[in-house]
Amino acid sequence: MSIRKFIFCDICNPQGLRSIEFRRSPRGDERTGRRISDGRSWFEGELNMAIKAGWVSTSDGMHICPFCQTLRPASNR
């Protein structure tokens, strides 16, 4: 049995929630599609794989997803 590892974005998902996607019927004022996300980011896998996928691990131990990196400049990390 292997242990699953998850990395959660400390900016948009500090609570560490993984159930972020649900089915919905399309509405006119929303993006089309069968699924919608509440925007909380997480990565399933090892830290080195997350970094290869664009995540950042800061010197103080924070993990920041690629989307939040665009919102928070590197000088503020």
PDB file of N, CA and C in Angstrom:
ATOM      1  N   MET A   1       0.836  -1.173   0.000  1.00  0.00           N
ATOM      2  CA  MET A   1       0.000   0.000   0.000  1.00  0.00           C
ATOM      3  C   MET A   1       0.884   1.240   0.000  1.00  0.00           C
ATOM      4  N   SER A   2       0.656   2.138  -0.942  1.00  0.00           N
ATOM      5  CA  SER A   2       1.435   3.366  -0.996  1.00  0.00           C
ATOM      6  C   SER A   2       0.688   4.497  -0.290  1.00  0.00           C
ATOM      7  N   ILE A   3       1.452   5.454   0.167  1.00  0.00           N
ATOM      8  CA  ILE A   3       0.876   6.613   0.856  1.00  0.00           C
ATOM      9  C   ILE A   3       0.708   7.732  -0.157  1.00  0.00           C
ATOM     10  N   ARG A   4      -0.484   8.295  -0.223  1.00  0.00           N
ATOM     11  CA  ARG A   4      -0.739   9.419  -1.124  1.00  0.00           C
ATOM     12  C   ARG A   4      -0.269  10.703  -0.450  1.00  0.00           C
ATOM     13  N   LYS A   5       0.393  11.552  -1.233  1.00  0.00           N
ATOM     14  CA  LYS A   5       0.900  12.822  -0.714  1.00  0.00           C
ATOM     15  C   LYS A   5       0.233  13.959  -1.465  1.00  0.00           C
ATOM     16  N   PHE A   6      -0.141  14.988  -0.709  1.00  0.00           N
ATOM     17  CA  PHE A   6      -0.799  16.143  -1.292  1.00  0.00           C
ATOM     18  C   PHE A   6      -0.084  17.412  -0.843  1.00  0.00           C
ATOM     19  N   ILE A   7       0.003  18.356  -1.743  1.00  0.00           N
ATOM     20  CA  ILE A   7       0.566  19.675  -1.448  1.00  0.00           C
ATOM     21  C   ILE A   7      -0.549  20.672  -1.700  1.00  0.00           C
ATOM     22  N   PHE A   8      -0.799  21.521  -0.726  1.00  0.00           N
ATOM     23  CA  PHE A   8      -1.873  22.502  -0.826  1.00  0.00           C
ATOM     24  C   PHE A   8      -1.276  23.897  -0.922  1.00  0.00           C
ATOM     25  N   CYS A   9      -1.886  24.742  -1.742  1.00  0.00           N
ATOM     26  CA  CYS A   9      -1.423  26.117  -1.879  1.00  0.00           C
ATOM     27  C   CYS A   9      -1.722  26.863  -0.578  1.00  0.00           C
ATOM     28  N   ASP A  10      -0.705  27.492  -0.008  1.00  0.00           N
ATOM     29  CA  ASP A  10      -0.878  28.211   1.248  1.00  0.00           C
ATOM     30  C   ASP A  10      -1.562  29.561   1.068  1.00  0.00           C
ATOM     31  N   ILE A  11      -1.794  29.969  -0.160  1.00  0.00           N
ATOM     32  CA  ILE A  11      -2.501  31.233  -0.394  1.00  0.00           C
ATOM     33  C   ILE A  11      -3.982  30.978  -0.664  1.00  0.00           C
ATOM     34  N   CYS A  12      -4.303  30.147  -1.649  1.00  0.00           N
ATOM     35  CA  CYS A  12      -5.707  29.950  -2.019  1.00  0.00           C
ATOM     36  C   CYS A  12      -6.353  28.744  -1.348  1.00  0.00           C
ATOM     37  N   ASN A  13      -5.567  27.900  -0.679  1.00  0.00           N
ATOM     38  CA  ASN A  13      -6.134  26.712  -0.042  1.00  0.00           C
ATOM     39  C   ASN A  13      -5.428  26.391   1.278  1.00  0.00           C
ATOM     40  N   PRO A  14      -5.369  27.343   2.200  1.00  0.00           N
ATOM     41  CA  PRO A  14      -4.661  27.081   3.458  1.00  0.00           C
ATOM     42  C   PRO A  14      -5.351  26.039   4.339  1.00  0.00           C
ATOM     43  N   GLN A  15      -6.635  25.767   4.097  1.00  0.00           N
ATOM     44  CA  GLN A  15      -7.356  24.761   4.875  1.00  0.00           C
ATOM     45  C   GLN A  15      -7.037  23.343   4.417  1.00  0.00           C
ATOM     46  N   GLY A  16      -6.423  23.196   3.266  1.00  0.00           N
ATOM     47  CA  GLY A  16      -6.058  21.867   2.761  1.00  0.00           C
ATOM     48  C   GLY A  16      -7.257  21.061   2.291  1.00  0.00           C
ATOM     49  N   LEU A  17      -8.156  21.685   1.536  1.00  0.00           N
ATOM     50  CA  LEU A  17      -9.351  21.003   1.033  1.00  0.00           C
ATOM     51  C   LEU A  17      -9.095  20.447  -0.361  1.00  0.00           C
ATOM     52  N   ARG A  18      -9.557  19.203  -0.596  1.00  0.00           N
ATOM     53  CA  ARG A  18      -9.378  18.578  -1.910  1.00  0.00           C
ATOM     54  C   ARG A  18     -10.666  18.461  -2.698  1.00  0.00           C
ATOM     55  N   SER A  19     -11.807  18.561  -2.093  1.00  0.00           N
ATOM     56  CA  SER A  19     -13.070  18.390  -2.825  1.00  0.00           C
ATOM     57  C   SER A  19     -13.487  19.728  -3.421  1.00  0.00           C
ATOM     58  N   ILE A  20     -12.843  20.091  -4.531  1.00  0.00           N
ATOM     59  CA  ILE A  20     -13.041  21.416  -5.092  1.00  0.00           C
ATOM     60  C   ILE A  20     -13.844  21.416  -6.383  1.00  0.00           C
ATOM     61  N   GLU A  21     -14.207  20.271  -6.864  1.00  0.00           N
ATOM     62  CA  GLU A  21     -14.870  20.193  -8.157  1.00  0.00           C
ATOM     63  C   GLU A  21     -16.213  19.504  -7.994  1.00  0.00           C
ATOM     64  N   PHE A  22     -17.218  20.016  -8.655  1.00  0.00           N
ATOM     65  CA  PHE A  22     -18.522  19.377  -8.590  1.00  0.00           C
ATOM     66  C   PHE A  22     -19.221  19.523  -9.930  1.00  0.00           C
ATOM     67  N   ARG A  23     -20.171  18.667 -10.161  1.00  0.00           N
ATOM     68  CA  ARG A  23     -20.927  18.728 -11.419  1.00  0.00           C
ATOM     69  C   ARG A  23     -22.018  19.781 -11.306  1.00  0.00           C
ATOM     70  N   ARG A  24     -22.287  20.403 -12.418  1.00  0.00           N
ATOM     71  CA  ARG A  24     -23.349  21.398 -12.455  1.00  0.00           C
ATOM     72  C   ARG A  24     -23.905  21.468 -13.863  1.00  0.00           C
ATOM     73  N   SER A  25     -25.068  22.014 -13.975  1.00  0.00           N
ATOM     74  CA  SER A  25     -25.612  22.253 -15.301  1.00  0.00           C
ATOM     75  C   SER A  25     -25.205  23.658 -15.732  1.00  0.00           C
ATOM     76  N   PRO A  26     -24.859  23.844 -16.993  1.00  0.00           N
ATOM     77  CA  PRO A  26     -24.407  25.159 -17.469  1.00  0.00           C
ATOM     78  C   PRO A  26     -25.473  26.233 -17.305  1.00  0.00           C
ATOM     79  N   ARG A  27     -25.023  27.411 -16.974  1.00  0.00           N
ATOM     80  CA  ARG A  27     -25.904  28.579 -16.870  1.00  0.00           C
ATOM     81  C   ARG A  27     -25.383  29.648 -17.814  1.00  0.00           C
ATOM     82  N   GLY A  28     -26.249  30.533 -18.236  1.00  0.00           N
ATOM     83  CA  GLY A  28     -25.873  31.542 -19.215  1.00  0.00           C
ATOM     84  C   GLY A  28     -24.802  32.509 -18.747  1.00  0.00           C
ATOM     85  N   ASP A  29     -24.764  32.838 -17.469  1.00  0.00           N
ATOM     86  CA  ASP A  29     -23.815  33.829 -16.978  1.00  0.00           C
ATOM     87  C   ASP A  29     -22.510  33.219 -16.467  1.00  0.00           C
ATOM     88  N   GLU A  30     -22.301  31.911 -16.659  1.00  0.00           N
ATOM     89  CA  GLU A  30     -21.100  31.239 -16.193  1.00  0.00           C
ATOM     90  C   GLU A  30     -20.358  30.601 -17.361  1.00  0.00           C
ATOM     91  N   ARG A  31     -19.142  30.168 -17.069  1.00  0.00           N
ATOM     92  CA  ARG A  31     -18.391  29.446 -18.098  1.00  0.00           C
ATOM     93  C   ARG A  31     -19.124  28.163 -18.446  1.00  0.00           C
ATOM     94  N   THR A  32     -18.992  27.751 -19.670  1.00  0.00           N
ATOM     95  CA  THR A  32     -19.667  26.524 -20.078  1.00  0.00           C
ATOM     96  C   THR A  32     -18.880  25.318 -19.604  1.00  0.00           C
ATOM     97  N   GLY A  33     -19.548  24.206 -19.543  1.00  0.00           N
ATOM     98  CA  GLY A  33     -18.893  22.976 -19.128  1.00  0.00           C
ATOM     99  C   GLY A  33     -19.695  22.260 -18.064  1.00  0.00           C
ATOM    100  N   ARG A  34     -19.301  21.015 -17.803  1.00  0.00           N
ATOM    101  CA  ARG A  34     -20.024  20.205 -16.830  1.00  0.00           C
ATOM    102  C   ARG A  34     -19.453  20.338 -15.431  1.00  0.00           C
ATOM    103  N   ARG A  35     -18.256  20.880 -15.314  1.00  0.00           N
ATOM    104  CA  ARG A  35     -17.623  20.961 -13.994  1.00  0.00           C
ATOM    105  C   ARG A  35     -17.187  22.392 -13.704  1.00  0.00           C
ATOM    106  N   ILE A  36     -17.165  22.728 -12.445  1.00  0.00           N
ATOM    107  CA  ILE A  36     -16.695  24.037 -12.017  1.00  0.00           C
ATOM    108  C   ILE A  36     -15.851  23.845 -10.766  1.00  0.00           C
ATOM    109  N   SER A  37     -14.891  24.686 -10.565  1.00  0.00           N
ATOM    110  CA  SER A  37     -13.995  24.592  -9.416  1.00  0.00           C
ATOM    111  C   SER A  37     -14.141  25.851  -8.573  1.00  0.00           C
ATOM    112  N   ASP A  38     -13.921  25.714  -7.270  1.00  0.00           N
ATOM    113  CA  ASP A  38     -13.995  26.892  -6.417  1.00  0.00           C
ATOM    114  C   ASP A  38     -12.650  27.607  -6.343  1.00  0.00           C
ATOM    115  N   GLY A  39     -11.650  27.146  -7.073  1.00  0.00           N
ATOM    116  CA  GLY A  39     -10.376  27.839  -7.172  1.00  0.00           C
ATOM    117  C   GLY A  39      -9.319  27.422  -6.173  1.00  0.00           C
ATOM    118  N   ARG A  40      -9.595  26.489  -5.296  1.00  0.00           N
ATOM    119  CA  ARG A  40      -8.596  26.042  -4.327  1.00  0.00           C
ATOM    120  C   ARG A  40      -7.637  25.061  -5.003  1.00  0.00           C
ATOM    121  N   SER A  41      -6.343  25.352  -4.905  1.00  0.00           N
ATOM    122  CA  SER A  41      -5.349  24.522  -5.594  1.00  0.00           C
ATOM    123  C   SER A  41      -4.703  23.511  -4.663  1.00  0.00           C
ATOM    124  N   TRP A  42      -4.456  22.327  -5.233  1.00  0.00           N
ATOM    125  CA  TRP A  42      -3.717  21.278  -4.542  1.00  0.00           C
ATOM    126  C   TRP A  42      -3.047  20.422  -5.597  1.00  0.00           C
ATOM    127  N   PHE A  43      -2.009  19.728  -5.188  1.00  0.00           N
ATOM    128  CA  PHE A  43      -1.238  18.884  -6.095  1.00  0.00           C
ATOM    129  C   PHE A  43      -1.063  17.528  -5.437  1.00  0.00           C
ATOM    130  N   GLU A  44      -1.328  16.470  -6.164  1.00  0.00           N
ATOM    131  CA  GLU A  44      -1.128  15.125  -5.644  1.00  0.00           C
ATOM    132  C   GLU A  44       0.211  14.609  -6.154  1.00  0.00           C
ATOM    133  N   GLY A  45       1.135  14.412  -5.234  1.00  0.00           N
ATOM    134  CA  GLY A  45       2.448  13.904  -5.605  1.00  0.00           C
ATOM    135  C   GLY A  45       3.538  14.490  -4.733  1.00  0.00           C
ATOM    136  N   GLU A  46       4.763  14.186  -5.094  1.00  0.00           N
ATOM    137  CA  GLU A  46       5.938  14.642  -4.359  1.00  0.00           C
ATOM    138  C   GLU A  46       6.210  16.119  -4.646  1.00  0.00           C
ATOM    139  N   LEU A  47       6.911  16.779  -3.722  1.00  0.00           N
ATOM    140  CA  LEU A  47       7.219  18.198  -3.864  1.00  0.00           C
ATOM    141  C   LEU A  47       8.031  18.474  -5.119  1.00  0.00           C
ATOM    142  N   ASN A  48       9.003  17.615  -5.433  1.00  0.00           N
ATOM    143  CA  ASN A  48       9.813  17.863  -6.627  1.00  0.00           C
ATOM    144  C   ASN A  48       8.974  17.812  -7.900  1.00  0.00           C
ATOM    145  N   MET A  49       7.950  16.972  -7.929  1.00  0.00           N
ATOM    146  CA  MET A  49       7.051  16.929  -9.090  1.00  0.00           C
ATOM    147  C   MET A  49       6.185  18.192  -9.155  1.00  0.00           C
ATOM    148  N   ALA A  50       5.762  18.686  -8.002  1.00  0.00           N
ATOM    149  CA  ALA A  50       4.971  19.927  -7.967  1.00  0.00           C
ATOM    150  C   ALA A  50       5.804  21.091  -8.477  1.00  0.00           C
ATOM    151  N   ILE A  51       7.054  21.146  -8.090  1.00  0.00           N
ATOM    152  CA  ILE A  51       7.938  22.220  -8.549  1.00  0.00           C
ATOM    153  C   ILE A  51       8.119  22.139 -10.062  1.00  0.00           C
ATOM    154  N   LYS A  52       8.253  20.934 -10.597  1.00  0.00           N
ATOM    155  CA  LYS A  52       8.351  20.774 -12.064  1.00  0.00           C
ATOM    156  C   LYS A  52       7.076  21.213 -12.755  1.00  0.00           C
ATOM    157  N   ALA A  53       5.943  21.122 -12.049  1.00  0.00           N
ATOM    158  CA  ALA A  53       4.654  21.531 -12.615  1.00  0.00           C
ATOM    159  C   ALA A  53       4.376  23.021 -12.406  1.00  0.00           C
ATOM    160  N   GLY A  54       5.344  23.766 -11.837  1.00  0.00           N
ATOM    161  CA  GLY A  54       5.186  25.208 -11.713  1.00  0.00           C
ATOM    162  C   GLY A  54       4.931  25.725 -10.307  1.00  0.00           C
ATOM    163  N   TRP A  55       4.861  24.845  -9.329  1.00  0.00           N
ATOM    164  CA  TRP A  55       4.661  25.266  -7.950  1.00  0.00           C
ATOM    165  C   TRP A  55       5.975  25.812  -7.393  1.00  0.00           C
ATOM    166  N   VAL A  56       5.862  26.631  -6.324  1.00  0.00           N
ATOM    167  CA  VAL A  56       7.028  27.187  -5.654  1.00  0.00           C
ATOM    168  C   VAL A  56       6.980  26.788  -4.192  1.00  0.00           C
ATOM    169  N   SER A  57       8.135  26.421  -3.655  1.00  0.00           N
ATOM    170  CA  SER A  57       8.281  26.160  -2.226  1.00  0.00           C
ATOM    171  C   SER A  57       9.201  27.244  -1.684  1.00  0.00           C
ATOM    172  N   THR A  58       8.684  28.086  -0.781  1.00  0.00           N
ATOM    173  CA  THR A  58       9.460  29.215  -0.270  1.00  0.00           C
ATOM    174  C   THR A  58      10.389  28.774   0.852  1.00  0.00           C
ATOM    175  N   SER A  59      11.299  29.652   1.227  1.00  0.00           N
ATOM    176  CA  SER A  59      12.263  29.343   2.283  1.00  0.00           C
ATOM    177  C   SER A  59      11.597  29.167   3.646  1.00  0.00           C
ATOM    178  N   ASP A  60      10.414  29.750   3.829  1.00  0.00           N
ATOM    179  CA  ASP A  60       9.708  29.593   5.104  1.00  0.00           C
ATOM    180  C   ASP A  60       8.696  28.447   5.078  1.00  0.00           C
ATOM    181  N   GLY A  61       8.760  27.596   4.034  1.00  0.00           N
ATOM    182  CA  GLY A  61       7.947  26.387   3.985  1.00  0.00           C
ATOM    183  C   GLY A  61       6.581  26.529   3.350  1.00  0.00           C
ATOM    184  N   MET A  62       6.287  27.673   2.751  1.00  0.00           N
ATOM    185  CA  MET A  62       5.006  27.841   2.065  1.00  0.00           C
ATOM    186  C   MET A  62       5.062  27.184   0.697  1.00  0.00           C
ATOM    187  N   HIS A  63       3.918  26.699   0.231  1.00  0.00           N
ATOM    188  CA  HIS A  63       3.782  26.154  -1.116  1.00  0.00           C
ATOM    189  C   HIS A  63       2.803  27.053  -1.855  1.00  0.00           C
ATOM    190  N   ILE A  64       3.204  27.512  -3.044  1.00  0.00           N
ATOM    191  CA  ILE A  64       2.392  28.462  -3.803  1.00  0.00           C
ATOM    192  C   ILE A  64       2.140  27.896  -5.190  1.00  0.00           C
ATOM    193  N   CYS A  65       0.850  27.811  -5.558  1.00  0.00           N
ATOM    194  CA  CYS A  65       0.466  27.261  -6.857  1.00  0.00           C
ATOM    195  C   CYS A  65       0.810  28.241  -7.981  1.00  0.00           C
ATOM    196  N   PRO A  66       0.855  27.767  -9.210  1.00  0.00           N
ATOM    197  CA  PRO A  66       1.184  28.645 -10.342  1.00  0.00           C
ATOM    198  C   PRO A  66       0.233  29.834 -10.480  1.00  0.00           C
ATOM    199  N   PHE A  67      -1.071  29.638 -10.238  1.00  0.00           N
ATOM    200  CA  PHE A  67      -2.019  30.742 -10.391  1.00  0.00           C
ATOM    201  C   PHE A  67      -1.754  31.835  -9.361  1.00  0.00           C
ATOM    202  N   CYS A  68      -1.541  31.458  -8.106  1.00  0.00           N
ATOM    203  CA  CYS A  68      -1.308  32.458  -7.058  1.00  0.00           C
ATOM    204  C   CYS A  68       0.011  33.185  -7.252  1.00  0.00           C
ATOM    205  N   GLN A  69       0.963  32.572  -7.930  1.00  0.00           N
ATOM    206  CA  GLN A  69       2.210  33.242  -8.218  1.00  0.00           C
ATOM    207  C   GLN A  69       1.991  34.457  -9.120  1.00  0.00           C
ATOM    208  N   THR A  70       0.998  34.380  -9.991  1.00  0.00           N
ATOM    209  CA  THR A  70       0.701  35.509 -10.861  1.00  0.00           C
ATOM    210  C   THR A  70       0.033  36.643 -10.078  1.00  0.00           C
ATOM    211  N   LEU A  71      -0.612  36.316  -8.963  1.00  0.00           N
ATOM    212  CA  LEU A  71      -1.294  37.323  -8.161  1.00  0.00           C
ATOM    213  C   LEU A  71      -0.379  37.948  -7.109  1.00  0.00           C
ATOM    214  N   ARG A  72       0.653  37.223  -6.706  1.00  0.00           N
ATOM    215  CA  ARG A  72       1.544  37.660  -5.631  1.00  0.00           C
ATOM    216  C   ARG A  72       2.970  37.684  -6.161  1.00  0.00           C
ATOM    217  N   PRO A  73       3.503  38.872  -6.444  1.00  0.00           N
ATOM    218  CA  PRO A  73       4.848  38.959  -7.014  1.00  0.00           C
ATOM    219  C   PRO A  73       5.913  38.325  -6.114  1.00  0.00           C
ATOM    220  N   ALA A  74       6.995  37.860  -6.724  1.00  0.00           N
ATOM    221  CA  ALA A  74       8.061  37.165  -5.991  1.00  0.00           C
ATOM    222  C   ALA A  74       8.664  38.027  -4.896  1.00  0.00           C
ATOM    223  N   SER A  75       8.684  39.339  -5.066  1.00  0.00           N
ATOM    224  CA  SER A  75       9.267  40.221  -4.055  1.00  0.00           C
ATOM    225  C   SER A  75       8.458  40.210  -2.752  1.00  0.00           C
ATOM    226  N   ASN A  76       7.189  39.799  -2.801  1.00  0.00           N
ATOM    227  CA  ASN A  76       6.343  39.770  -1.608  1.00  0.00           C
ATOM    228  C   ASN A  76       6.337  38.413  -0.929  1.00  0.00           C
ATOM    229  N   ARG A  77       7.079  37.440  -1.438  1.00  0.00           N
ATOM    230  CA  ARG A  77       7.043  36.083  -0.873  1.00  0.00           C
ATOM    231  C   ARG A  77       7.979  35.949   0.282  1.00  0.00           C
TER     232      ARG A  77
END
